[in-house]
Amino acid sequence: MKKSLCILVAMCVLAGCASVETTRSFNGMKVDQSAFVEHINGSVWGIYLLPMIPLIVPYEEGLVDVDTAVNMATRKARTLGYTRVTDLQTDCTSIWIAPTFVLWYKEVEVSCNAVK
């Protein structure tokens, strides 16, 4: 019983998700004046007690907020060797998980173009 409980707690702590994806595939279309452009999309989500207390969030990234998502995307742009980002857009979602009465699903997505 204790082992099952420990595994469940560990899964809850590590279950939040954060991801960053990139692409250079624009089908030959020009996106910017620069020849070096990469599109970056980042997403971070987690489960909160009420809309304020984080229960399950991405361990290494931090909380589910705009700062975290933008930091992920701009850090990825910098590691790929780009010097600036353009067209930065964010989308925030906060949804009540109906049968629980106290749990909320929160997600933030960020999208931008990295340019040299």
PDB file of N, CA and C in Angstrom:
ATOM      1  N   MET A   1       0.820  -1.193   0.000  1.00  0.00           N
ATOM      2  CA  MET A   1       0.000   0.000   0.000  1.00  0.00           C
ATOM      3  C   MET A   1       0.865   1.259   0.000  1.00  0.00           C
ATOM      4  N   LYS A   2       1.898   1.260   0.858  1.00  0.00           N
ATOM      5  CA  LYS A   2       2.776   2.422   0.921  1.00  0.00           C
ATOM      6  C   LYS A   2       3.506   2.630  -0.404  1.00  0.00           C
ATOM      7  N   LYS A   3       3.914   1.522  -1.007  1.00  0.00           N
ATOM      8  CA  LYS A   3       4.630   1.610  -2.281  1.00  0.00           C
ATOM      9  C   LYS A   3       3.732   2.213  -3.362  1.00  0.00           C
ATOM     10  N   SER A   4       2.484   1.788  -3.420  1.00  0.00           N
ATOM     11  CA  SER A   4       1.534   2.320  -4.402  1.00  0.00           C
ATOM     12  C   SER A   4       1.291   3.808  -4.178  1.00  0.00           C
ATOM     13  N   LEU A   5       1.163   4.198  -2.924  1.00  0.00           N
ATOM     14  CA  LEU A   5       0.950   5.602  -2.600  1.00  0.00           C
ATOM     15  C   LEU A   5       2.158   6.446  -3.002  1.00  0.00           C
ATOM     16  N   CYS A   6       3.367   5.950  -2.753  1.00  0.00           N
ATOM     17  CA  CYS A   6       4.579   6.673  -3.136  1.00  0.00           C
ATOM     18  C   CYS A   6       4.680   6.829  -4.650  1.00  0.00           C
ATOM     19  N   ILE A   7       4.335   5.773  -5.380  1.00  0.00           N
ATOM     20  CA  ILE A   7       4.361   5.841  -6.846  1.00  0.00           C
ATOM     21  C   ILE A   7       3.339   6.846  -7.343  1.00  0.00           C
ATOM     22  N   LEU A   8       2.149   6.859  -6.766  1.00  0.00           N
ATOM     23  CA  LEU A   8       1.105   7.807  -7.161  1.00  0.00           C
ATOM     24  C   LEU A   8       1.542   9.243  -6.892  1.00  0.00           C
ATOM     25  N   VAL A   9       2.132   9.504  -5.741  1.00  0.00           N
ATOM     26  CA  VAL A   9       2.598  10.848  -5.414  1.00  0.00           C
ATOM     27  C   VAL A   9       3.701  11.271  -6.368  1.00  0.00           C
ATOM     28  N   ALA A  10       4.634  10.377  -6.676  1.00  0.00           N
ATOM     29  CA  ALA A  10       5.723  10.693  -7.610  1.00  0.00           C
ATOM     30  C   ALA A  10       5.176  11.003  -8.997  1.00  0.00           C
ATOM     31  N   MET A  11       4.186  10.252  -9.451  1.00  0.00           N
ATOM     32  CA  MET A  11       3.590  10.507 -10.762  1.00  0.00           C
ATOM     33  C   MET A  11       2.899  11.863 -10.785  1.00  0.00           C
ATOM     34  N   CYS A  12       2.230  12.222  -9.704  1.00  0.00           N
ATOM     35  CA  CYS A  12       1.552  13.523  -9.645  1.00  0.00           C
ATOM     36  C   CYS A  12       2.550  14.666  -9.695  1.00  0.00           C
ATOM     37  N   VAL A  13       3.673  14.517  -9.003  1.00  0.00           N
ATOM     38  CA  VAL A  13       4.669  15.573  -8.974  1.00  0.00           C
ATOM     39  C   VAL A  13       5.312  15.750 -10.348  1.00  0.00           C
ATOM     40  N   LEU A  14       5.514  14.660 -11.078  1.00  0.00           N
ATOM     41  CA  LEU A  14       6.218  14.722 -12.351  1.00  0.00           C
ATOM     42  C   LEU A  14       5.281  14.759 -13.562  1.00  0.00           C
ATOM     43  N   ALA A  15       3.980  14.852 -13.354  1.00  0.00           N
ATOM     44  CA  ALA A  15       3.039  14.703 -14.453  1.00  0.00           C
ATOM     45  C   ALA A  15       2.802  15.962 -15.279  1.00  0.00           C
ATOM     46  N   GLY A  16       3.147  17.128 -14.791  1.00  0.00           N
ATOM     47  CA  GLY A  16       2.977  18.340 -15.581  1.00  0.00           C
ATOM     48  C   GLY A  16       3.815  18.254 -16.846  1.00  0.00           C
ATOM     49  N   CYS A  17       3.469  19.010 -17.832  1.00  0.00           N
ATOM     50  CA  CYS A  17       4.154  18.866 -19.108  1.00  0.00           C
ATOM     51  C   CYS A  17       4.602  20.219 -19.652  1.00  0.00           C
ATOM     52  N   ALA A  18       5.790  20.222 -20.237  1.00  0.00           N
ATOM     53  CA  ALA A  18       6.300  21.397 -20.942  1.00  0.00           C
ATOM     54  C   ALA A  18       7.027  20.893 -22.181  1.00  0.00           C
ATOM     55  N   SER A  19       6.770  21.529 -23.318  1.00  0.00           N
ATOM     56  CA  SER A  19       7.440  21.103 -24.541  1.00  0.00           C
ATOM     57  C   SER A  19       7.690  22.296 -25.452  1.00  0.00           C
ATOM     58  N   VAL A  20       8.738  22.184 -26.261  1.00  0.00           N
ATOM     59  CA  VAL A  20       9.068  23.202 -27.249  1.00  0.00           C
ATOM     60  C   VAL A  20       9.356  22.489 -28.564  1.00  0.00           C
ATOM     61  N   GLU A  21       8.702  22.933 -29.624  1.00  0.00           N
ATOM     62  CA  GLU A  21       8.921  22.360 -30.947  1.00  0.00           C
ATOM     63  C   GLU A  21       9.309  23.470 -31.914  1.00  0.00           C
ATOM     64  N   THR A  22      10.118  23.123 -32.919  1.00  0.00           N
ATOM     65  CA  THR A  22      10.560  24.110 -33.903  1.00  0.00           C
ATOM     66  C   THR A  22      10.414  23.541 -35.307  1.00  0.00           C
ATOM     67  N   THR A  23      10.357  24.451 -36.286  1.00  0.00           N
ATOM     68  CA  THR A  23      10.341  24.038 -37.681  1.00  0.00           C
ATOM     69  C   THR A  23      10.956  25.123 -38.551  1.00  0.00           C
ATOM     70  N   ARG A  24      11.554  24.688 -39.648  1.00  0.00           N
ATOM     71  CA  ARG A  24      12.061  25.606 -40.675  1.00  0.00           C
ATOM     72  C   ARG A  24      11.335  25.369 -41.996  1.00  0.00           C
ATOM     73  N   SER A  25      10.318  24.545 -41.976  1.00  0.00           N
ATOM     74  CA  SER A  25       9.601  24.154 -43.186  1.00  0.00           C
ATOM     75  C   SER A  25       8.508  25.163 -43.519  1.00  0.00           C
ATOM     76  N   PHE A  26       8.770  26.015 -44.512  1.00  0.00           N
ATOM     77  CA  PHE A  26       7.802  27.035 -44.923  1.00  0.00           C
ATOM     78  C   PHE A  26       7.394  26.879 -46.383  1.00  0.00           C
ATOM     79  N   ASN A  27       7.658  25.724 -46.987  1.00  0.00           N
ATOM     80  CA  ASN A  27       7.292  25.442 -48.383  1.00  0.00           C
ATOM     81  C   ASN A  27       7.818  26.493 -49.352  1.00  0.00           C
ATOM     82  N   GLY A  28       9.024  26.984 -49.109  1.00  0.00           N
ATOM     83  CA  GLY A  28       9.646  27.944 -50.002  1.00  0.00           C
ATOM     84  C   GLY A  28       9.146  29.373 -49.850  1.00  0.00           C
ATOM     85  N   MET A  29       8.246  29.625 -48.915  1.00  0.00           N
ATOM     86  CA  MET A  29       7.696  30.970 -48.719  1.00  0.00           C
ATOM     87  C   MET A  29       8.646  31.786 -47.846  1.00  0.00           C
ATOM     88  N   LYS A  30       8.722  33.096 -48.094  1.00  0.00           N
ATOM     89  CA  LYS A  30       9.511  34.011 -47.270  1.00  0.00           C
ATOM     90  C   LYS A  30       8.677  34.406 -46.051  1.00  0.00           C
ATOM     91  N   VAL A  31       9.275  34.335 -44.886  1.00  0.00           N
ATOM     92  CA  VAL A  31       8.589  34.713 -43.659  1.00  0.00           C
ATOM     93  C   VAL A  31       9.058  36.079 -43.192  1.00  0.00           C
ATOM     94  N   ASP A  32      10.320  36.381 -43.395  1.00  0.00           N
ATOM     95  CA  ASP A  32      10.918  37.619 -42.928  1.00  0.00           C
ATOM     96  C   ASP A  32      11.961  38.028 -43.954  1.00  0.00           C
ATOM     97  N   GLN A  33      12.525  39.210 -43.802  1.00  0.00           N
ATOM     98  CA  GLN A  33      13.575  39.673 -44.702  1.00  0.00           C
ATOM     99  C   GLN A  33      14.819  38.801 -44.588  1.00  0.00           C
ATOM    100  N   SER A  34      15.007  38.210 -43.437  1.00  0.00           N
ATOM    101  CA  SER A  34      16.178  37.382 -43.194  1.00  0.00           C
ATOM    102  C   SER A  34      16.003  36.009 -43.835  1.00  0.00           C
ATOM    103  N   ALA A  35      17.102  35.414 -44.246  1.00  0.00           N
ATOM    104  CA  ALA A  35      17.055  34.070 -44.813  1.00  0.00           C
ATOM    105  C   ALA A  35      17.027  33.014 -43.713  1.00  0.00           C
ATOM    106  N   PHE A  36      17.331  33.406 -42.476  1.00  0.00           N
ATOM    107  CA  PHE A  36      17.393  32.461 -41.372  1.00  0.00           C
ATOM    108  C   PHE A  36      16.226  32.689 -40.427  1.00  0.00           C
ATOM    109  N   VAL A  37      15.198  31.874 -40.563  1.00  0.00           N
ATOM    110  CA  VAL A  37      13.998  31.992 -39.735  1.00  0.00           C
ATOM    111  C   VAL A  37      13.603  30.601 -39.265  1.00  0.00           C
ATOM    112  N   GLU A  38      13.182  30.523 -38.016  1.00  0.00           N
ATOM    113  CA  GLU A  38      12.683  29.263 -37.468  1.00  0.00           C
ATOM    114  C   GLU A  38      11.461  29.573 -36.615  1.00  0.00           C
ATOM    115  N   HIS A  39      10.405  28.798 -36.805  1.00  0.00           N
ATOM    116  CA  HIS A  39       9.189  28.983 -36.014  1.00  0.00           C
ATOM    117  C   HIS A  39       9.295  28.131 -34.753  1.00  0.00           C
ATOM    118  N   ILE A  40       8.969  28.739 -33.612  1.00  0.00           N
ATOM    119  CA  ILE A  40       9.052  28.051 -32.327  1.00  0.00           C
ATOM    120  C   ILE A  40       7.683  28.066 -31.666  1.00  0.00           C
ATOM    121  N   ASN A  41       7.255  26.905 -31.169  1.00  0.00           N
ATOM    122  CA  ASN A  41       5.992  26.778 -30.454  1.00  0.00           C
ATOM    123  C   ASN A  41       6.271  26.085 -29.132  1.00  0.00           C
ATOM    124  N   GLY A  42       5.888  26.721 -28.034  1.00  0.00           N
ATOM    125  CA  GLY A  42       6.080  26.143 -26.709  1.00  0.00           C
ATOM    126  C   GLY A  42       4.760  26.002 -25.986  1.00  0.00           C
ATOM    127  N   SER A  43       4.667  24.977 -25.152  1.00  0.00           N
ATOM    128  CA  SER A  43       3.445  24.727 -24.408  1.00  0.00           C
ATOM    129  C   SER A  43       3.795  24.259 -23.002  1.00  0.00           C
ATOM    130  N   VAL A  44       3.064  24.751 -22.023  1.00  0.00           N
ATOM    131  CA  VAL A  44       3.233  24.333 -20.635  1.00  0.00           C
ATOM    132  C   VAL A  44       1.844  24.181 -20.025  1.00  0.00           C
ATOM    133  N   TRP A  45       1.617  23.076 -19.280  1.00  0.00           N
ATOM    134  CA  TRP A  45       0.310  22.880 -18.655  1.00  0.00           C
ATOM    135  C   TRP A  45       0.475  22.199 -17.303  1.00  0.00           C
ATOM    136  N   GLY A  46      -0.581  22.311 -16.492  1.00  0.00           N
ATOM    137  CA  GLY A  46      -0.569  21.679 -15.183  1.00  0.00           C
ATOM    138  C   GLY A  46      -1.945  21.686 -14.548  1.00  0.00           C
ATOM    139  N   ILE A  47      -2.032  21.060 -13.378  1.00  0.00           N
ATOM    140  CA  ILE A  47      -3.277  20.975 -12.622  1.00  0.00           C
ATOM    141  C   ILE A  47      -3.125  21.816 -11.348  1.00  0.00           C
ATOM    142  N   TYR A  48      -4.144  22.614 -11.057  1.00  0.00           N
ATOM    143  CA  TYR A  48      -4.117  23.518  -9.903  1.00  0.00           C
ATOM    144  C   TYR A  48      -5.283  23.220  -8.965  1.00  0.00           C
ATOM    145  N   LEU A  49      -5.058  23.437  -7.675  1.00  0.00           N
ATOM    146  CA  LEU A  49      -6.118  23.404  -6.675  1.00  0.00           C
ATOM    147  C   LEU A  49      -6.702  24.805  -6.639  1.00  0.00           C
ATOM    148  N   LEU A  50      -7.985  24.899  -6.944  1.00  0.00           N
ATOM    149  CA  LEU A  50      -8.592  26.184  -7.239  1.00  0.00           C
ATOM    150  C   LEU A  50      -7.743  26.787  -8.363  1.00  0.00           C
ATOM    151  N   PRO A  51      -7.922  27.992  -8.795  1.00  0.00           N
ATOM    152  CA  PRO A  51      -7.067  28.442  -9.897  1.00  0.00           C
ATOM    153  C   PRO A  51      -5.726  29.013  -9.438  1.00  0.00           C
ATOM    154  N   MET A  52      -5.365  28.831  -8.158  1.00  0.00           N
ATOM    155  CA  MET A  52      -4.184  29.528  -7.642  1.00  0.00           C
ATOM    156  C   MET A  52      -3.067  28.640  -7.120  1.00  0.00           C
ATOM    157  N   ILE A  53      -3.355  27.456  -6.614  1.00  0.00           N
ATOM    158  CA  ILE A  53      -2.356  26.635  -5.936  1.00  0.00           C
ATOM    159  C   ILE A  53      -1.902  25.502  -6.851  1.00  0.00           C
ATOM    160  N   PRO A  54      -0.642  25.511  -7.281  1.00  0.00           N
ATOM    161  CA  PRO A  54      -0.172  24.478  -8.209  1.00  0.00           C
ATOM    162  C   PRO A  54      -0.056  23.113  -7.531  1.00  0.00           C
ATOM    163  N   LEU A  55      -0.639  22.094  -8.157  1.00  0.00           N
ATOM    164  CA  LEU A  55      -0.509  20.717  -7.682  1.00  0.00           C
ATOM    165  C   LEU A  55       0.429  19.934  -8.596  1.00  0.00           C
ATOM    166  N   ILE A  56       0.157  19.964  -9.884  1.00  0.00           N
ATOM    167  CA  ILE A  56       0.949  19.238 -10.872  1.00  0.00           C
ATOM    168  C   ILE A  56       1.412  20.242 -11.913  1.00  0.00           C
ATOM    169  N   VAL A  57       2.688  20.581 -11.886  1.00  0.00           N
ATOM    170  CA  VAL A  57       3.255  21.526 -12.846  1.00  0.00           C
ATOM    171  C   VAL A  57       4.574  20.956 -13.356  1.00  0.00           C
ATOM    172  N   PRO A  58       5.066  21.431 -14.499  1.00  0.00           N
ATOM    173  CA  PRO A  58       6.354  20.951 -15.004  1.00  0.00           C
ATOM    174  C   PRO A  58       7.461  21.255 -14.005  1.00  0.00           C
ATOM    175  N   TYR A  59       8.106  20.226 -13.501  1.00  0.00           N
ATOM    176  CA  TYR A  59       9.079  20.362 -12.426  1.00  0.00           C
ATOM    177  C   TYR A  59      10.222  21.311 -12.763  1.00  0.00           C
ATOM    178  N   GLU A  60      10.848  21.133 -13.913  1.00  0.00           N
ATOM    179  CA  GLU A  60      12.019  21.944 -14.252  1.00  0.00           C
ATOM    180  C   GLU A  60      11.658  23.338 -14.746  1.00  0.00           C
ATOM    181  N   GLU A  61      10.499  23.501 -15.338  1.00  0.00           N
ATOM    182  CA  GLU A  61      10.160  24.781 -15.956  1.00  0.00           C
ATOM    183  C   GLU A  61       9.589  25.790 -14.966  1.00  0.00           C
ATOM    184  N   GLY A  62       8.771  25.362 -14.055  1.00  0.00           N
ATOM    185  CA  GLY A  62       8.167  26.285 -13.102  1.00  0.00           C
ATOM    186  C   GLY A  62       6.661  26.246 -13.175  1.00  0.00           C
ATOM    187  N   LEU A  63       6.026  27.362 -12.934  1.00  0.00           N
ATOM    188  CA  LEU A  63       4.567  27.441 -12.913  1.00  0.00           C
ATOM    189  C   LEU A  63       3.995  27.529 -14.317  1.00  0.00           C
ATOM    190  N   VAL A  64       2.702  27.346 -14.409  1.00  0.00           N
ATOM    191  CA  VAL A  64       2.006  27.491 -15.690  1.00  0.00           C
ATOM    192  C   VAL A  64       1.604  28.950 -15.819  1.00  0.00           C
ATOM    193  N   ASP A  65       2.451  29.746 -16.462  1.00  0.00           N
ATOM    194  CA  ASP A  65       2.163  31.156 -16.666  1.00  0.00           C
ATOM    195  C   ASP A  65       2.870  31.642 -17.933  1.00  0.00           C
ATOM    196  N   VAL A  66       2.561  32.862 -18.330  1.00  0.00           N
ATOM    197  CA  VAL A  66       3.118  33.420 -19.565  1.00  0.00           C
ATOM    198  C   VAL A  66       4.638  33.550 -19.459  1.00  0.00           C
ATOM    199  N   ASP A  67       5.141  33.967 -18.302  1.00  0.00           N
ATOM    200  CA  ASP A  67       6.594  34.105 -18.137  1.00  0.00           C
ATOM    201  C   ASP A  67       7.321  32.796 -18.431  1.00  0.00           C
ATOM    202  N   THR A  68       6.819  31.707 -17.888  1.00  0.00           N
ATOM    203  CA  THR A  68       7.453  30.407 -18.091  1.00  0.00           C
ATOM    204  C   THR A  68       7.447  30.015 -19.560  1.00  0.00           C
ATOM    205  N   ALA A  69       6.312  30.178 -20.233  1.00  0.00           N
ATOM    206  CA  ALA A  69       6.210  29.788 -21.636  1.00  0.00           C
ATOM    207  C   ALA A  69       7.102  30.650 -22.527  1.00  0.00           C
ATOM    208  N   VAL A  70       7.116  31.952 -22.302  1.00  0.00           N
ATOM    209  CA  VAL A  70       7.964  32.845 -23.099  1.00  0.00           C
ATOM    210  C   VAL A  70       9.440  32.545 -22.843  1.00  0.00           C
ATOM    211  N   ASN A  71       9.815  32.297 -21.592  1.00  0.00           N
ATOM    212  CA  ASN A  71      11.199  31.944 -21.285  1.00  0.00           C
ATOM    213  C   ASN A  71      11.626  30.668 -22.001  1.00  0.00           C
ATOM    214  N   MET A  72      10.741  29.678 -22.071  1.00  0.00           N
ATOM    215  CA  MET A  72      11.055  28.441 -22.789  1.00  0.00           C
ATOM    216  C   MET A  72      11.332  28.718 -24.258  1.00  0.00           C
ATOM    217  N   ALA A  73      10.463  29.492 -24.900  1.00  0.00           N
ATOM    218  CA  ALA A  73      10.604  29.758 -26.334  1.00  0.00           C
ATOM    219  C   ALA A  73      11.835  30.596 -26.639  1.00  0.00           C
ATOM    220  N   THR A  74      12.077  31.634 -25.861  1.00  0.00           N
ATOM    221  CA  THR A  74      13.236  32.486 -26.132  1.00  0.00           C
ATOM    222  C   THR A  74      14.544  31.774 -25.786  1.00  0.00           C
ATOM    223  N   ARG A  75      14.533  30.926 -24.775  1.00  0.00           N
ATOM    224  CA  ARG A  75      15.727  30.129 -24.457  1.00  0.00           C
ATOM    225  C   ARG A  75      16.056  29.171 -25.599  1.00  0.00           C
ATOM    226  N   LYS A  76      15.014  28.573 -26.188  1.00  0.00           N
ATOM    227  CA  LYS A  76      15.224  27.672 -27.329  1.00  0.00           C
ATOM    228  C   LYS A  76      15.789  28.451 -28.516  1.00  0.00           C
ATOM    229  N   ALA A  77      15.261  29.649 -28.778  1.00  0.00           N
ATOM    230  CA  ALA A  77      15.766  30.482 -29.879  1.00  0.00           C
ATOM    231  C   ALA A  77      17.244  30.802 -29.663  1.00  0.00           C
ATOM    232  N   ARG A  78      17.598  31.145 -28.445  1.00  0.00           N
ATOM    233  CA  ARG A  78      18.999  31.479 -28.144  1.00  0.00           C
ATOM    234  C   ARG A  78      19.908  30.259 -28.317  1.00  0.00           C
ATOM    235  N   THR A  79      19.449  29.079 -27.870  1.00  0.00           N
ATOM    236  CA  THR A  79      20.284  27.880 -28.014  1.00  0.00           C
ATOM    237  C   THR A  79      20.449  27.475 -29.472  1.00  0.00           C
ATOM    238  N   LEU A  80      19.505  27.852 -30.329  1.00  0.00           N
ATOM    239  CA  LEU A  80      19.625  27.560 -31.759  1.00  0.00           C
ATOM    240  C   LEU A  80      20.456  28.610 -32.492  1.00  0.00           C
ATOM    241  N   GLY A  81      20.897  29.650 -31.771  1.00  0.00           N
ATOM    242  CA  GLY A  81      21.778  30.658 -32.362  1.00  0.00           C
ATOM    243  C   GLY A  81      21.072  31.869 -32.938  1.00  0.00           C
ATOM    244  N   TYR A  82      19.805  32.067 -32.647  1.00  0.00           N
ATOM    245  CA  TYR A  82      19.074  33.225 -33.148  1.00  0.00           C
ATOM    246  C   TYR A  82      19.234  34.397 -32.183  1.00  0.00           C
ATOM    247  N   THR A  83      19.138  35.615 -32.714  1.00  0.00           N
ATOM    248  CA  THR A  83      19.384  36.804 -31.894  1.00  0.00           C
ATOM    249  C   THR A  83      18.124  37.571 -31.514  1.00  0.00           C
ATOM    250  N   ARG A  84      16.996  37.297 -32.178  1.00  0.00           N
ATOM    251  CA  ARG A  84      15.757  37.989 -31.808  1.00  0.00           C
ATOM    252  C   ARG A  84      14.553  37.139 -32.200  1.00  0.00           C
ATOM    253  N   VAL A  85      13.410  37.447 -31.597  1.00  0.00           N
ATOM    254  CA  VAL A  85      12.163  36.775 -31.950  1.00  0.00           C
ATOM    255  C   VAL A  85      11.161  37.820 -32.427  1.00  0.00           C
ATOM    256  N   THR A  86      10.298  37.413 -33.338  1.00  0.00           N
ATOM    257  CA  THR A  86       9.246  38.294 -33.852  1.00  0.00           C
ATOM    258  C   THR A  86       7.910  37.575 -33.744  1.00  0.00           C
ATOM    259  N   ASP A  87       6.846  38.339 -33.870  1.00  0.00           N
ATOM    260  CA  ASP A  87       5.482  37.786 -33.878  1.00  0.00           C
ATOM    261  C   ASP A  87       5.212  36.896 -32.672  1.00  0.00           C
ATOM    262  N   LEU A  88       5.597  37.335 -31.494  1.00  0.00           N
ATOM    263  CA  LEU A  88       5.391  36.569 -30.269  1.00  0.00           C
ATOM    264  C   LEU A  88       3.927  36.647 -29.866  1.00  0.00           C
ATOM    265  N   GLN A  89       3.290  35.481 -29.738  1.00  0.00           N
ATOM    266  CA  GLN A  89       1.882  35.418 -29.350  1.00  0.00           C
ATOM    267  C   GLN A  89       1.714  34.362 -28.270  1.00  0.00           C
ATOM    268  N   THR A  90       0.818  34.626 -27.324  1.00  0.00           N
ATOM    269  CA  THR A  90       0.524  33.655 -26.273  1.00  0.00           C
ATOM    270  C   THR A  90      -0.971  33.377 -26.227  1.00  0.00           C
ATOM    271  N   ASP A  91      -1.298  32.196 -25.728  1.00  0.00           N
ATOM    272  CA  ASP A  91      -2.688  31.803 -25.547  1.00  0.00           C
ATOM    273  C   ASP A  91      -2.793  31.114 -24.190  1.00  0.00           C
ATOM    274  N   CYS A  92      -3.624  31.653 -23.316  1.00  0.00           N
ATOM    275  CA  CYS A  92      -3.783  31.121 -21.963  1.00  0.00           C
ATOM    276  C   CYS A  92      -5.158  30.473 -21.815  1.00  0.00           C
ATOM    277  N   THR A  93      -5.185  29.287 -21.210  1.00  0.00           N
ATOM    278  CA  THR A  93      -6.428  28.562 -20.973  1.00  0.00           C
ATOM    279  C   THR A  93      -6.491  28.143 -19.519  1.00  0.00           C
ATOM    280  N   SER A  94      -7.633  28.341 -18.892  1.00  0.00           N
ATOM    281  CA  SER A  94      -7.863  27.891 -17.525  1.00  0.00           C
ATOM    282  C   SER A  94      -9.267  27.303 -17.477  1.00  0.00           C
ATOM    283  N   ILE A  95      -9.347  25.998 -17.216  1.00  0.00           N
ATOM    284  CA  ILE A  95     -10.633  25.286 -17.273  1.00  0.00           C
ATOM    285  C   ILE A  95     -10.869  24.548 -15.957  1.00  0.00           C
ATOM    286  N   TRP A  96     -12.052  24.694 -15.417  1.00  0.00           N
ATOM    287  CA  TRP A  96     -12.456  23.979 -14.215  1.00  0.00           C
ATOM    288  C   TRP A  96     -12.729  22.533 -14.578  1.00  0.00           C
ATOM    289  N   ILE A  97     -12.168  21.591 -13.813  1.00  0.00           N
ATOM    290  CA  ILE A  97     -12.421  20.168 -14.028  1.00  0.00           C
ATOM    291  C   ILE A  97     -13.702  19.837 -13.267  1.00  0.00           C
ATOM    292  N   ALA A  98     -14.794  19.693 -13.997  1.00  0.00           N
ATOM    293  CA  ALA A  98     -16.152  19.680 -13.459  1.00  0.00           C
ATOM    294  C   ALA A  98     -16.406  18.732 -12.278  1.00  0.00           C
ATOM    295  N   PRO A  99     -16.113  17.451 -12.357  1.00  0.00           N
ATOM    296  CA  PRO A  99     -16.544  16.587 -11.252  1.00  0.00           C
ATOM    297  C   PRO A  99     -15.768  16.797  -9.947  1.00  0.00           C
ATOM    298  N   THR A 100     -14.683  17.524  -9.977  1.00  0.00           N
ATOM    299  CA  THR A 100     -13.856  17.661  -8.774  1.00  0.00           C
ATOM    300  C   THR A 100     -14.230  18.858  -7.915  1.00  0.00           C
ATOM    301  N   PHE A 101     -14.795  19.897  -8.495  1.00  0.00           N
ATOM    302  CA  PHE A 101     -15.189  21.128  -7.815  1.00  0.00           C
ATOM    303  C   PHE A 101     -14.018  22.006  -7.376  1.00  0.00           C
ATOM    304  N   VAL A 102     -12.807  21.467  -7.281  1.00  0.00           N
ATOM    305  CA  VAL A 102     -11.696  22.274  -6.791  1.00  0.00           C
ATOM    306  C   VAL A 102     -10.464  22.241  -7.700  1.00  0.00           C
ATOM    307  N   LEU A 103     -10.443  21.387  -8.713  1.00  0.00           N
ATOM    308  CA  LEU A 103      -9.272  21.268  -9.581  1.00  0.00           C
ATOM    309  C   LEU A 103      -9.459  22.046 -10.882  1.00  0.00           C
ATOM    310  N   TRP A 104      -8.368  22.657 -11.341  1.00  0.00           N
ATOM    311  CA  TRP A 104      -8.363  23.438 -12.570  1.00  0.00           C
ATOM    312  C   TRP A 104      -7.234  22.964 -13.469  1.00  0.00           C
ATOM    313  N   TYR A 105      -7.483  22.906 -14.770  1.00  0.00           N
ATOM    314  CA  TYR A 105      -6.468  22.623 -15.775  1.00  0.00           C
ATOM    315  C   TYR A 105      -6.031  23.967 -16.361  1.00  0.00           C
ATOM    316  N   LYS A 106      -4.729  24.252 -16.312  1.00  0.00           N
ATOM    317  CA  LYS A 106      -4.219  25.509 -16.863  1.00  0.00           C
ATOM    318  C   LYS A 106      -3.180  25.182 -17.935  1.00  0.00           C
ATOM    319  N   GLU A 107      -3.224  25.944 -19.025  1.00  0.00           N
ATOM    320  CA  GLU A 107      -2.281  25.754 -20.119  1.00  0.00           C
ATOM    321  C   GLU A 107      -1.921  27.105 -20.718  1.00  0.00           C
ATOM    322  N   VAL A 108      -0.656  27.263 -21.084  1.00  0.00           N
ATOM    323  CA  VAL A 108      -0.179  28.455 -21.786  1.00  0.00           C
ATOM    324  C   VAL A 108       0.622  27.997 -22.981  1.00  0.00           C
ATOM    325  N   GLU A 109       0.290  28.524 -24.157  1.00  0.00           N
ATOM    326  CA  GLU A 109       1.042  28.232 -25.367  1.00  0.00           C
ATOM    327  C   GLU A 109       1.644  29.523 -25.890  1.00  0.00           C
ATOM    328  N   VAL A 110       2.854  29.428 -26.415  1.00  0.00           N
ATOM    329  CA  VAL A 110       3.527  30.592 -26.993  1.00  0.00           C
ATOM    330  C   VAL A 110       4.033  30.201 -28.384  1.00  0.00           C
ATOM    331  N   SER A 111       3.952  31.160 -29.279  1.00  0.00           N
ATOM    332  CA  SER A 111       4.380  30.951 -30.654  1.00  0.00           C
ATOM    333  C   SER A 111       5.165  32.176 -31.105  1.00  0.00           C
ATOM    334  N   CYS A 112       6.302  31.934 -31.787  1.00  0.00           N
ATOM    335  CA  CYS A 112       7.100  33.054 -32.266  1.00  0.00           C
ATOM    336  C   CYS A 112       8.003  32.601 -33.415  1.00  0.00           C
ATOM    337  N   ASN A 113       8.552  33.571 -34.115  1.00  0.00           N
ATOM    338  CA  ASN A 113       9.545  33.304 -35.161  1.00  0.00           C
ATOM    339  C   ASN A 113      10.893  33.792 -34.658  1.00  0.00           C
ATOM    340  N   ALA A 114      11.911  32.945 -34.755  1.00  0.00           N
ATOM    341  CA  ALA A 114      13.265  33.324 -34.360  1.00  0.00           C
ATOM    342  C   ALA A 114      14.027  33.742 -35.609  1.00  0.00           C
ATOM    343  N   VAL A 115      14.737  34.865 -35.518  1.00  0.00           N
ATOM    344  CA  VAL A 115      15.409  35.451 -36.671  1.00  0.00           C
ATOM    345  C   VAL A 115      16.840  35.811 -36.296  1.00  0.00           C
ATOM    346  N   LYS A 116      17.773  35.606 -37.258  1.00  0.00           N
ATOM    347  CA  LYS A 116      19.173  36.018 -37.026  1.00  0.00           C
ATOM    348  C   LYS A 116      19.364  37.430 -37.503  1.00  0.00           C
TER     349      LYS A 116
END
